[in-house]
Amino acid sequence: MLVLASASPRRRELLAQVGYQFTVQPAHVPEDPLPGEDPIVYVTRLAREKAEAVYRGMIASGTGLGNQCLDSKSSLAVLGADTAVTLDNTILGKPENPADAARILRLLSGRTHRVITGVALVTAEGTEVAAEATAVRFLTLSDEEIAAYVATGEPMDKAGAYGIQGRAARWIPRLDGCYFNVMGLPLALVSTMLESRGIA
């Protein structure tokens, strides 16, 4: 039984897109980076904490195990993920308000930033953690373009204040790495991890 420990609709869509059957059980863990925490360490730590919290909760309560005996927890697999946008190794989180979204977009304008997703898979065999990084180039944006984009509301729930699958796609001439990673779930990496645990 595969469980996605995320409330992200994009991650649900991506995992379903490649044919996995799963249920969703969002994790509730603090998402603030620790002082001086490296971005890769940050996203892999959060992915691990989310997946392990959901795994422990489901084992403790028997939730989702159906008619299976709790001893058969070997059938339970929990996938956690966390994505960060970084510029000059500084984590740019989700915008706090429209003015903050505009500030972040001005920082990204005309530059290349990195999108890093940490992934964790928890099963009875233990926890496996990995990360994927993608370099994303932005065109130079005018203040008018930024204001119009912020006014759509699209940037407000997204790390880095943009969604590559949305209107911001017009400003991204190239990227180096996994496109799906920028959306929040590096599918090739995740599939490799799942298949290594016998989850097809």
N, C-alpha and C. Protein backbone atom coordinates (compact mmCIF):
# COMPACT_ATOMS: atom_id res chain seq x y z
N MET A 1 0.84 -1.20 0.00
CA MET A 1 0.00 0.00 0.00
C MET A 1 0.88 1.25 0.00
N LEU A 2 0.75 2.08 -1.01
CA LEU A 2 1.54 3.30 -1.14
C LEU A 2 0.73 4.49 -0.63
N VAL A 3 1.37 5.31 0.20
CA VAL A 3 0.74 6.50 0.76
C VAL A 3 1.61 7.71 0.43
N LEU A 4 0.98 8.76 -0.08
CA LEU A 4 1.68 10.00 -0.35
C LEU A 4 1.47 10.94 0.82
N ALA A 5 2.56 11.30 1.49
CA ALA A 5 2.49 12.16 2.68
C ALA A 5 2.59 13.62 2.26
N SER A 6 1.63 14.07 1.46
CA SER A 6 1.66 15.43 0.93
C SER A 6 0.26 15.90 0.61
N ALA A 7 0.02 17.18 0.87
CA ALA A 7 -1.27 17.78 0.52
C ALA A 7 -1.22 18.43 -0.86
N SER A 8 -0.07 18.38 -1.52
CA SER A 8 0.11 19.07 -2.80
C SER A 8 -0.71 18.41 -3.91
N PRO A 9 -1.62 19.17 -4.52
CA PRO A 9 -2.37 18.60 -5.66
C PRO A 9 -1.47 18.27 -6.83
N ARG A 10 -0.39 19.03 -7.01
CA ARG A 10 0.53 18.76 -8.12
C ARG A 10 1.23 17.42 -7.92
N ARG A 11 1.65 17.12 -6.70
CA ARG A 11 2.31 15.83 -6.46
C ARG A 11 1.32 14.68 -6.68
N ARG A 12 0.10 14.87 -6.26
CA ARG A 12 -0.92 13.82 -6.49
C ARG A 12 -1.10 13.58 -7.98
N GLU A 13 -1.21 14.66 -8.75
CA GLU A 13 -1.40 14.52 -10.19
C GLU A 13 -0.22 13.83 -10.86
N LEU A 14 0.99 14.20 -10.45
CA LEU A 14 2.19 13.63 -11.08
C LEU A 14 2.32 12.14 -10.77
N LEU A 15 2.08 11.77 -9.51
CA LEU A 15 2.21 10.37 -9.13
C LEU A 15 1.16 9.52 -9.85
N ALA A 16 -0.05 10.07 -9.99
CA ALA A 16 -1.10 9.35 -10.71
C ALA A 16 -0.79 9.29 -12.21
N GLN A 17 -0.15 10.33 -12.72
CA GLN A 17 0.16 10.41 -14.16
C GLN A 17 0.99 9.23 -14.63
N VAL A 18 1.89 8.75 -13.76
CA VAL A 18 2.76 7.64 -14.17
C VAL A 18 2.23 6.29 -13.72
N GLY A 19 0.97 6.27 -13.25
CA GLY A 19 0.29 5.00 -13.07
C GLY A 19 0.29 4.39 -11.68
N TYR A 20 0.76 5.12 -10.67
CA TYR A 20 0.77 4.54 -9.32
C TYR A 20 -0.61 4.65 -8.68
N GLN A 21 -0.96 3.62 -7.93
CA GLN A 21 -2.17 3.63 -7.11
C GLN A 21 -1.73 3.97 -5.70
N PHE A 22 -2.39 4.95 -5.08
CA PHE A 22 -1.95 5.40 -3.76
C PHE A 22 -3.08 6.13 -3.05
N THR A 23 -2.90 6.30 -1.76
CA THR A 23 -3.79 7.14 -0.97
C THR A 23 -2.99 8.34 -0.49
N VAL A 24 -3.69 9.35 -0.01
CA VAL A 24 -3.05 10.58 0.44
C VAL A 24 -3.27 10.78 1.93
N GLN A 25 -2.20 11.03 2.65
CA GLN A 25 -2.26 11.32 4.08
C GLN A 25 -1.27 12.45 4.36
N PRO A 26 -1.73 13.69 4.32
CA PRO A 26 -0.79 14.80 4.50
C PRO A 26 -0.10 14.74 5.87
N ALA A 27 1.13 15.18 5.88
CA ALA A 27 1.89 15.26 7.13
C ALA A 27 1.84 16.69 7.64
N HIS A 28 1.93 16.82 8.94
CA HIS A 28 1.90 18.15 9.56
C HIS A 28 3.16 18.31 10.39
N VAL A 29 4.19 18.84 9.77
CA VAL A 29 5.45 19.08 10.47
C VAL A 29 5.89 20.52 10.18
N PRO A 30 6.60 21.14 11.13
CA PRO A 30 7.10 22.51 10.90
C PRO A 30 8.04 22.52 9.69
N GLU A 31 7.90 23.56 8.86
CA GLU A 31 8.67 23.59 7.62
C GLU A 31 9.72 24.70 7.59
N ASP A 32 10.04 25.26 8.73
CA ASP A 32 11.04 26.32 8.76
C ASP A 32 12.44 25.73 8.68
N PRO A 33 13.31 26.33 7.86
CA PRO A 33 14.70 25.85 7.82
C PRO A 33 15.41 26.17 9.12
N LEU A 34 16.35 25.32 9.48
CA LEU A 34 17.17 25.57 10.65
C LEU A 34 18.22 26.63 10.31
N PRO A 35 18.73 27.36 11.30
CA PRO A 35 19.74 28.40 11.01
C PRO A 35 20.94 27.82 10.25
N GLY A 36 21.23 28.42 9.10
CA GLY A 36 22.38 28.00 8.31
C GLY A 36 22.23 26.67 7.61
N GLU A 37 21.02 26.13 7.57
CA GLU A 37 20.81 24.80 6.99
C GLU A 37 20.98 24.82 5.48
N ASP A 38 21.76 23.90 4.95
CA ASP A 38 21.96 23.77 3.52
C ASP A 38 20.63 23.39 2.86
N PRO A 39 20.32 23.95 1.67
CA PRO A 39 19.04 23.65 1.03
C PRO A 39 18.78 22.16 0.80
N ILE A 40 19.80 21.40 0.38
CA ILE A 40 19.58 19.97 0.15
C ILE A 40 19.31 19.25 1.46
N VAL A 41 20.04 19.62 2.50
CA VAL A 41 19.80 19.04 3.82
C VAL A 41 18.39 19.38 4.30
N TYR A 42 17.97 20.61 4.03
CA TYR A 42 16.65 21.08 4.45
C TYR A 42 15.53 20.27 3.80
N VAL A 43 15.56 20.13 2.46
CA VAL A 43 14.45 19.44 1.79
C VAL A 43 14.45 17.94 2.09
N THR A 44 15.63 17.34 2.23
CA THR A 44 15.66 15.91 2.54
C THR A 44 15.22 15.67 3.99
N ARG A 45 15.57 16.59 4.88
CA ARG A 45 15.12 16.45 6.28
C ARG A 45 13.60 16.53 6.36
N LEU A 46 13.02 17.52 5.66
CA LEU A 46 11.56 17.65 5.71
C LEU A 46 10.86 16.47 5.06
N ALA A 47 11.39 16.00 3.93
CA ALA A 47 10.79 14.83 3.27
C ALA A 47 10.80 13.64 4.22
N ARG A 48 11.92 13.43 4.90
CA ARG A 48 12.04 12.32 5.85
C ARG A 48 11.07 12.49 7.02
N GLU A 49 11.01 13.69 7.58
CA GLU A 49 10.14 13.93 8.73
C GLU A 49 8.67 13.71 8.37
N LYS A 50 8.27 14.17 7.18
CA LYS A 50 6.89 13.99 6.74
C LYS A 50 6.56 12.51 6.56
N ALA A 51 7.42 11.80 5.84
CA ALA A 51 7.15 10.39 5.56
C ALA A 51 7.17 9.55 6.84
N GLU A 52 8.13 9.80 7.71
CA GLU A 52 8.24 9.01 8.94
C GLU A 52 7.08 9.30 9.89
N ALA A 53 6.63 10.57 9.93
CA ALA A 53 5.50 10.91 10.80
C ALA A 53 4.23 10.19 10.36
N VAL A 54 3.98 10.17 9.05
CA VAL A 54 2.78 9.49 8.55
C VAL A 54 2.91 7.98 8.74
N TYR A 55 4.08 7.44 8.47
CA TYR A 55 4.30 5.99 8.63
C TYR A 55 4.05 5.58 10.09
N ARG A 56 4.64 6.30 11.03
CA ARG A 56 4.45 5.97 12.45
C ARG A 56 2.99 6.06 12.85
N GLY A 57 2.33 7.10 12.38
CA GLY A 57 0.92 7.29 12.73
C GLY A 57 0.03 6.18 12.19
N MET A 58 0.30 5.76 10.97
CA MET A 58 -0.53 4.72 10.37
C MET A 58 -0.27 3.36 11.01
N ILE A 59 0.98 3.09 11.35
CA ILE A 59 1.28 1.82 12.02
C ILE A 59 0.67 1.79 13.41
N ALA A 60 0.77 2.92 14.11
CA ALA A 60 0.25 2.98 15.48
C ALA A 60 -1.26 2.81 15.53
N SER A 61 -1.95 3.38 14.54
CA SER A 61 -3.41 3.34 14.57
C SER A 61 -4.01 2.23 13.72
N GLY A 62 -3.19 1.65 12.84
CA GLY A 62 -3.71 0.66 11.91
C GLY A 62 -4.48 1.27 10.78
N THR A 63 -4.48 2.61 10.68
CA THR A 63 -5.22 3.31 9.64
C THR A 63 -4.73 2.89 8.26
N GLY A 64 -5.66 2.54 7.41
CA GLY A 64 -5.33 2.24 6.03
C GLY A 64 -4.81 0.84 5.80
N LEU A 65 -4.65 0.06 6.87
CA LEU A 65 -4.14 -1.28 6.66
C LEU A 65 -5.25 -2.28 6.36
N GLY A 66 -6.48 -1.79 6.41
CA GLY A 66 -7.61 -2.63 6.04
C GLY A 66 -7.71 -3.88 6.89
N ASN A 67 -7.89 -5.02 6.24
CA ASN A 67 -8.03 -6.28 6.95
C ASN A 67 -6.69 -6.92 7.28
N GLN A 68 -5.60 -6.24 6.90
CA GLN A 68 -4.30 -6.81 7.16
C GLN A 68 -3.97 -6.73 8.65
N CYS A 69 -3.27 -7.72 9.12
CA CYS A 69 -2.76 -7.70 10.49
C CYS A 69 -1.73 -6.59 10.60
N LEU A 70 -1.66 -5.93 11.75
CA LEU A 70 -0.67 -4.89 11.94
C LEU A 70 0.75 -5.42 11.76
N ASP A 71 0.95 -6.70 11.98
CA ASP A 71 2.27 -7.27 11.80
C ASP A 71 2.69 -7.27 10.33
N SER A 72 1.70 -7.08 9.44
CA SER A 72 2.04 -7.09 8.02
C SER A 72 2.33 -5.68 7.51
N LYS A 73 2.94 -4.90 8.37
CA LYS A 73 3.28 -3.52 8.00
C LYS A 73 4.27 -3.47 6.83
N SER A 74 4.83 -4.62 6.47
CA SER A 74 5.77 -4.66 5.36
C SER A 74 5.11 -4.22 4.06
N SER A 75 3.77 -4.23 4.02
CA SER A 75 3.08 -3.81 2.80
C SER A 75 2.89 -2.30 2.73
N LEU A 76 3.23 -1.59 3.81
CA LEU A 76 3.01 -0.15 3.85
C LEU A 76 4.26 0.60 3.38
N ALA A 77 4.08 1.53 2.46
CA ALA A 77 5.16 2.39 1.98
C ALA A 77 4.65 3.83 1.97
N VAL A 78 5.41 4.73 2.58
CA VAL A 78 5.01 6.13 2.66
C VAL A 78 6.05 6.99 1.94
N LEU A 79 5.57 7.82 1.02
CA LEU A 79 6.43 8.70 0.22
C LEU A 79 6.24 10.13 0.69
N GLY A 80 7.35 10.75 1.07
CA GLY A 80 7.32 12.16 1.45
C GLY A 80 8.18 12.97 0.51
N ALA A 81 7.85 14.25 0.34
CA ALA A 81 8.63 15.11 -0.54
C ALA A 81 8.54 16.55 -0.06
N ASP A 82 9.60 17.31 -0.35
CA ASP A 82 9.59 18.74 -0.07
C ASP A 82 10.45 19.44 -1.12
N THR A 83 9.97 20.59 -1.59
CA THR A 83 10.65 21.31 -2.65
C THR A 83 11.03 22.71 -2.19
N ALA A 84 12.24 23.13 -2.55
CA ALA A 84 12.69 24.49 -2.25
C ALA A 84 13.27 25.12 -3.50
N VAL A 85 13.05 26.42 -3.62
CA VAL A 85 13.68 27.22 -4.67
C VAL A 85 14.83 27.97 -4.02
N THR A 86 16.01 27.91 -4.64
CA THR A 86 17.18 28.55 -4.05
C THR A 86 17.85 29.47 -5.05
N LEU A 87 18.36 30.57 -4.54
CA LEU A 87 19.14 31.51 -5.34
C LEU A 87 20.38 31.85 -4.53
N ASP A 88 21.55 31.61 -5.12
CA ASP A 88 22.81 31.81 -4.40
C ASP A 88 22.82 31.04 -3.09
N ASN A 89 22.27 29.83 -3.13
CA ASN A 89 22.21 28.92 -1.99
C ASN A 89 21.33 29.43 -0.85
N THR A 90 20.50 30.42 -1.13
CA THR A 90 19.54 30.93 -0.15
C THR A 90 18.16 30.39 -0.50
N ILE A 91 17.46 29.86 0.49
CA ILE A 91 16.13 29.29 0.27
C ILE A 91 15.10 30.40 0.14
N LEU A 92 14.34 30.37 -0.97
CA LEU A 92 13.24 31.30 -1.18
C LEU A 92 11.94 30.53 -0.94
N GLY A 93 11.27 30.80 0.13
CA GLY A 93 10.07 30.04 0.48
C GLY A 93 8.84 30.51 -0.28
N LYS A 94 7.70 30.11 0.21
CA LYS A 94 6.44 30.59 -0.35
C LYS A 94 6.24 32.04 0.08
N PRO A 95 5.70 32.86 -0.81
CA PRO A 95 5.51 34.28 -0.45
C PRO A 95 4.50 34.46 0.66
N GLU A 96 4.77 35.43 1.53
CA GLU A 96 3.87 35.70 2.64
C GLU A 96 2.67 36.54 2.22
N ASN A 97 2.84 37.33 1.18
CA ASN A 97 1.78 38.22 0.70
C ASN A 97 2.15 38.65 -0.73
N PRO A 98 1.27 39.37 -1.42
CA PRO A 98 1.58 39.77 -2.80
C PRO A 98 2.87 40.59 -2.93
N ALA A 99 3.15 41.47 -1.99
CA ALA A 99 4.39 42.26 -2.07
C ALA A 99 5.61 41.36 -1.97
N ASP A 100 5.53 40.32 -1.14
CA ASP A 100 6.64 39.39 -1.00
C ASP A 100 6.81 38.57 -2.28
N ALA A 101 5.68 38.20 -2.90
CA ALA A 101 5.75 37.48 -4.17
C ALA A 101 6.46 38.32 -5.23
N ALA A 102 6.14 39.59 -5.30
CA ALA A 102 6.79 40.48 -6.26
C ALA A 102 8.28 40.59 -5.95
N ARG A 103 8.63 40.66 -4.68
CA ARG A 103 10.04 40.74 -4.29
C ARG A 103 10.82 39.51 -4.76
N ILE A 104 10.23 38.32 -4.54
CA ILE A 104 10.89 37.08 -4.95
C ILE A 104 11.05 37.03 -6.46
N LEU A 105 10.02 37.41 -7.19
CA LEU A 105 10.09 37.37 -8.65
C LEU A 105 11.13 38.35 -9.19
N ARG A 106 11.29 39.49 -8.53
CA ARG A 106 12.34 40.43 -8.94
C ARG A 106 13.73 39.81 -8.73
N LEU A 107 13.88 39.02 -7.66
CA LEU A 107 15.15 38.35 -7.41
C LEU A 107 15.46 37.32 -8.51
N LEU A 108 14.43 36.60 -8.97
CA LEU A 108 14.62 35.55 -9.97
C LEU A 108 14.81 36.12 -11.38
N SER A 109 14.30 37.32 -11.62
CA SER A 109 14.30 37.93 -12.94
C SER A 109 15.69 37.99 -13.55
N GLY A 110 15.83 37.42 -14.78
CA GLY A 110 17.06 37.49 -15.51
C GLY A 110 18.18 36.61 -14.99
N ARG A 111 17.85 35.70 -14.09
CA ARG A 111 18.89 34.88 -13.47
C ARG A 111 18.53 33.39 -13.53
N THR A 112 19.49 32.57 -13.18
CA THR A 112 19.27 31.12 -13.08
C THR A 112 19.24 30.74 -11.61
N HIS A 113 18.18 30.03 -11.23
CA HIS A 113 18.06 29.57 -9.85
C HIS A 113 17.96 28.05 -9.85
N ARG A 114 17.99 27.47 -8.67
CA ARG A 114 17.88 26.01 -8.55
C ARG A 114 16.59 25.64 -7.82
N VAL A 115 15.97 24.58 -8.29
CA VAL A 115 14.84 23.98 -7.61
C VAL A 115 15.30 22.61 -7.11
N ILE A 116 15.17 22.38 -5.81
CA ILE A 116 15.64 21.14 -5.20
C ILE A 116 14.47 20.45 -4.52
N THR A 117 14.26 19.19 -4.83
CA THR A 117 13.22 18.40 -4.16
C THR A 117 13.88 17.25 -3.41
N GLY A 118 13.57 17.17 -2.14
CA GLY A 118 13.98 16.03 -1.34
C GLY A 118 12.85 15.01 -1.34
N VAL A 119 13.21 13.73 -1.43
CA VAL A 119 12.24 12.65 -1.46
C VAL A 119 12.63 11.61 -0.42
N ALA A 120 11.66 11.10 0.31
CA ALA A 120 11.92 10.05 1.29
C ALA A 120 10.89 8.94 1.13
N LEU A 121 11.34 7.71 1.18
CA LEU A 121 10.46 6.55 1.11
C LEU A 121 10.67 5.71 2.37
N VAL A 122 9.59 5.53 3.13
CA VAL A 122 9.66 4.78 4.39
C VAL A 122 8.87 3.49 4.24
N THR A 123 9.53 2.37 4.50
CA THR A 123 8.88 1.06 4.53
C THR A 123 9.39 0.31 5.75
N ALA A 124 8.95 -0.90 5.92
CA ALA A 124 9.43 -1.72 7.04
C ALA A 124 10.94 -1.96 6.94
N GLU A 125 11.49 -1.83 5.74
CA GLU A 125 12.93 -2.03 5.54
C GLU A 125 13.75 -0.85 6.00
N GLY A 126 13.10 0.28 6.22
CA GLY A 126 13.82 1.48 6.63
C GLY A 126 13.45 2.68 5.79
N THR A 127 14.26 3.73 5.90
CA THR A 127 14.01 4.99 5.19
C THR A 127 15.09 5.24 4.16
N GLU A 128 14.68 5.53 2.94
CA GLU A 128 15.61 5.91 1.88
C GLU A 128 15.34 7.36 1.52
N VAL A 129 16.41 8.15 1.41
CA VAL A 129 16.28 9.58 1.13
C VAL A 129 17.14 9.94 -0.07
N ALA A 130 16.63 10.81 -0.94
CA ALA A 130 17.38 11.27 -2.10
C ALA A 130 16.93 12.69 -2.43
N ALA A 131 17.68 13.34 -3.31
CA ALA A 131 17.32 14.69 -3.73
C ALA A 131 17.61 14.87 -5.21
N GLU A 132 16.85 15.74 -5.84
CA GLU A 132 17.02 16.09 -7.25
C GLU A 132 17.11 17.61 -7.35
N ALA A 133 18.02 18.11 -8.19
CA ALA A 133 18.17 19.55 -8.39
C ALA A 133 18.05 19.88 -9.87
N THR A 134 17.35 20.96 -10.17
CA THR A 134 17.17 21.43 -11.53
C THR A 134 17.50 22.92 -11.59
N ALA A 135 18.29 23.32 -12.57
CA ALA A 135 18.61 24.73 -12.78
C ALA A 135 17.58 25.33 -13.73
N VAL A 136 17.00 26.45 -13.35
CA VAL A 136 15.93 27.08 -14.12
C VAL A 136 16.33 28.52 -14.46
N ARG A 137 16.28 28.85 -15.74
CA ARG A 137 16.62 30.19 -16.20
C ARG A 137 15.36 31.01 -16.38
N PHE A 138 15.36 32.23 -15.84
CA PHE A 138 14.25 33.16 -16.01
C PHE A 138 14.65 34.28 -16.97
N LEU A 139 13.73 34.69 -17.83
CA LEU A 139 13.92 35.91 -18.60
C LEU A 139 13.86 37.11 -17.66
N THR A 140 14.28 38.25 -18.16
CA THR A 140 14.17 39.48 -17.39
C THR A 140 12.71 39.95 -17.41
N LEU A 141 12.16 40.18 -16.24
CA LEU A 141 10.75 40.55 -16.12
C LEU A 141 10.61 42.04 -15.84
N SER A 142 9.61 42.65 -16.45
CA SER A 142 9.31 44.05 -16.14
C SER A 142 8.45 44.11 -14.88
N ASP A 143 8.42 45.28 -14.26
CA ASP A 143 7.57 45.47 -13.09
C ASP A 143 6.11 45.22 -13.43
N GLU A 144 5.73 45.58 -14.66
CA GLU A 144 4.34 45.38 -15.09
C GLU A 144 4.01 43.89 -15.20
N GLU A 145 4.95 43.12 -15.75
CA GLU A 145 4.73 41.68 -15.87
C GLU A 145 4.62 41.02 -14.50
N ILE A 146 5.48 41.44 -13.60
CA ILE A 146 5.45 40.88 -12.24
C ILE A 146 4.13 41.22 -11.57
N ALA A 147 3.71 42.48 -11.66
CA ALA A 147 2.46 42.90 -11.02
C ALA A 147 1.27 42.15 -11.58
N ALA A 148 1.23 41.97 -12.90
CA ALA A 148 0.11 41.26 -13.52
C ALA A 148 0.08 39.80 -13.09
N TYR A 149 1.26 39.19 -12.98
CA TYR A 149 1.32 37.79 -12.56
C TYR A 149 0.90 37.63 -11.10
N VAL A 150 1.39 38.50 -10.26
CA VAL A 150 1.02 38.44 -8.84
C VAL A 150 -0.49 38.62 -8.69
N ALA A 151 -1.07 39.47 -9.51
CA ALA A 151 -2.51 39.74 -9.43
C ALA A 151 -3.36 38.51 -9.75
N THR A 152 -2.79 37.53 -10.48
CA THR A 152 -3.55 36.31 -10.77
C THR A 152 -3.70 35.42 -9.53
N GLY A 153 -2.85 35.63 -8.53
CA GLY A 153 -2.88 34.79 -7.34
C GLY A 153 -2.08 33.52 -7.46
N GLU A 154 -1.60 33.21 -8.66
CA GLU A 154 -0.89 31.94 -8.89
C GLU A 154 0.37 31.78 -8.04
N PRO A 155 1.13 32.86 -7.79
CA PRO A 155 2.38 32.68 -7.04
C PRO A 155 2.21 32.36 -5.56
N MET A 156 1.02 32.56 -5.01
CA MET A 156 0.90 32.67 -3.56
C MET A 156 1.14 31.38 -2.78
N ASP A 157 0.90 30.21 -3.35
CA ASP A 157 1.09 28.97 -2.59
C ASP A 157 2.28 28.17 -3.10
N LYS A 158 3.20 28.86 -3.80
CA LYS A 158 4.29 28.13 -4.46
C LYS A 158 5.65 28.63 -3.99
N ALA A 159 6.54 27.68 -3.72
CA ALA A 159 7.92 28.03 -3.40
C ALA A 159 8.51 28.79 -4.57
N GLY A 160 9.17 29.90 -4.28
CA GLY A 160 9.74 30.70 -5.35
C GLY A 160 8.74 31.60 -6.05
N ALA A 161 7.50 31.57 -5.62
CA ALA A 161 6.45 32.46 -6.13
C ALA A 161 6.11 32.26 -7.60
N TYR A 162 6.28 31.03 -8.10
CA TYR A 162 5.83 30.77 -9.47
C TYR A 162 5.55 29.29 -9.65
N GLY A 163 4.76 28.98 -10.69
CA GLY A 163 4.51 27.60 -11.07
C GLY A 163 4.92 27.42 -12.52
N ILE A 164 5.84 26.51 -12.76
CA ILE A 164 6.33 26.31 -14.14
C ILE A 164 5.22 25.77 -15.04
N GLN A 165 4.24 25.09 -14.44
CA GLN A 165 3.14 24.53 -15.23
C GLN A 165 2.05 25.55 -15.50
N GLY A 166 2.22 26.79 -15.01
CA GLY A 166 1.21 27.83 -15.18
C GLY A 166 1.70 28.96 -16.07
N ARG A 167 1.26 30.17 -15.74
CA ARG A 167 1.55 31.33 -16.58
C ARG A 167 3.04 31.67 -16.63
N ALA A 168 3.78 31.30 -15.59
CA ALA A 168 5.21 31.63 -15.56
C ALA A 168 6.01 30.87 -16.60
N ALA A 169 5.43 29.85 -17.22
CA ALA A 169 6.14 29.07 -18.24
C ALA A 169 6.67 29.96 -19.37
N ARG A 170 6.01 31.08 -19.64
CA ARG A 170 6.42 31.96 -20.74
C ARG A 170 7.77 32.64 -20.47
N TRP A 171 8.22 32.61 -19.20
CA TRP A 171 9.46 33.30 -18.83
C TRP A 171 10.63 32.34 -18.63
N ILE A 172 10.44 31.07 -18.95
CA ILE A 172 11.48 30.07 -18.69
C ILE A 172 11.96 29.49 -20.03
N PRO A 173 13.02 30.07 -20.60
CA PRO A 173 13.50 29.61 -21.91
C PRO A 173 14.23 28.29 -21.85
N ARG A 174 14.77 27.94 -20.69
CA ARG A 174 15.50 26.67 -20.60
C ARG A 174 15.65 26.25 -19.15
N LEU A 175 15.87 24.96 -19.00
CA LEU A 175 16.21 24.42 -17.70
C LEU A 175 17.17 23.26 -17.89
N ASP A 176 17.91 22.96 -16.85
CA ASP A 176 18.88 21.88 -16.89
C ASP A 176 18.53 20.92 -15.77
N GLY A 177 17.91 19.80 -16.15
CA GLY A 177 17.50 18.82 -15.15
C GLY A 177 16.07 18.36 -15.39
N CYS A 178 15.48 17.81 -14.36
CA CYS A 178 14.13 17.23 -14.45
C CYS A 178 13.05 18.30 -14.38
N TYR A 179 12.22 18.36 -15.42
CA TYR A 179 11.10 19.30 -15.44
C TYR A 179 10.11 19.03 -14.31
N PHE A 180 9.81 17.75 -14.09
CA PHE A 180 8.82 17.40 -13.07
C PHE A 180 9.31 17.74 -11.67
N ASN A 181 10.62 17.77 -11.50
CA ASN A 181 11.18 18.20 -10.23
C ASN A 181 10.76 19.63 -9.90
N VAL A 182 10.72 20.48 -10.91
CA VAL A 182 10.33 21.88 -10.71
C VAL A 182 8.86 21.96 -10.32
N MET A 183 8.06 21.00 -10.75
CA MET A 183 6.65 20.94 -10.35
C MET A 183 6.47 20.38 -8.94
N GLY A 184 7.51 19.72 -8.42
CA GLY A 184 7.43 19.24 -7.03
C GLY A 184 7.66 17.77 -6.81
N LEU A 185 7.85 16.99 -7.90
CA LEU A 185 8.08 15.56 -7.72
C LEU A 185 8.90 15.01 -8.88
N PRO A 186 10.18 14.72 -8.66
CA PRO A 186 11.02 14.16 -9.73
C PRO A 186 10.63 12.72 -10.02
N LEU A 187 9.87 12.53 -11.09
CA LEU A 187 9.21 11.25 -11.33
C LEU A 187 10.18 10.10 -11.58
N ALA A 188 11.25 10.34 -12.32
CA ALA A 188 12.19 9.25 -12.60
C ALA A 188 12.87 8.79 -11.31
N LEU A 189 13.27 9.74 -10.47
CA LEU A 189 13.90 9.40 -9.19
C LEU A 189 12.92 8.64 -8.30
N VAL A 190 11.70 9.15 -8.19
CA VAL A 190 10.69 8.50 -7.34
C VAL A 190 10.39 7.10 -7.84
N SER A 191 10.23 6.94 -9.15
CA SER A 191 9.92 5.61 -9.70
C SER A 191 11.05 4.63 -9.41
N THR A 192 12.29 5.07 -9.54
CA THR A 192 13.43 4.21 -9.24
C THR A 192 13.42 3.77 -7.78
N MET A 193 13.12 4.71 -6.89
CA MET A 193 13.06 4.38 -5.46
C MET A 193 11.95 3.39 -5.16
N LEU A 194 10.77 3.62 -5.75
CA LEU A 194 9.64 2.73 -5.51
C LEU A 194 9.91 1.32 -6.07
N GLU A 195 10.44 1.27 -7.26
CA GLU A 195 10.70 -0.02 -7.90
C GLU A 195 11.76 -0.80 -7.13
N SER A 196 12.71 -0.11 -6.50
CA SER A 196 13.74 -0.80 -5.73
C SER A 196 13.15 -1.48 -4.50
N ARG A 197 11.96 -1.02 -4.06
CA ARG A 197 11.26 -1.65 -2.95
C ARG A 197 10.14 -2.57 -3.42
N GLY A 198 10.10 -2.84 -4.72
CA GLY A 198 9.10 -3.74 -5.26
C GLY A 198 7.73 -3.14 -5.44
N ILE A 199 7.67 -1.80 -5.51
CA ILE A 199 6.39 -1.12 -5.70
C ILE A 199 6.29 -0.70 -7.15
N ALA A 200 5.33 -1.29 -7.87
CA ALA A 200 5.22 -1.01 -9.31
C ALA A 200 4.06 -0.09 -9.58
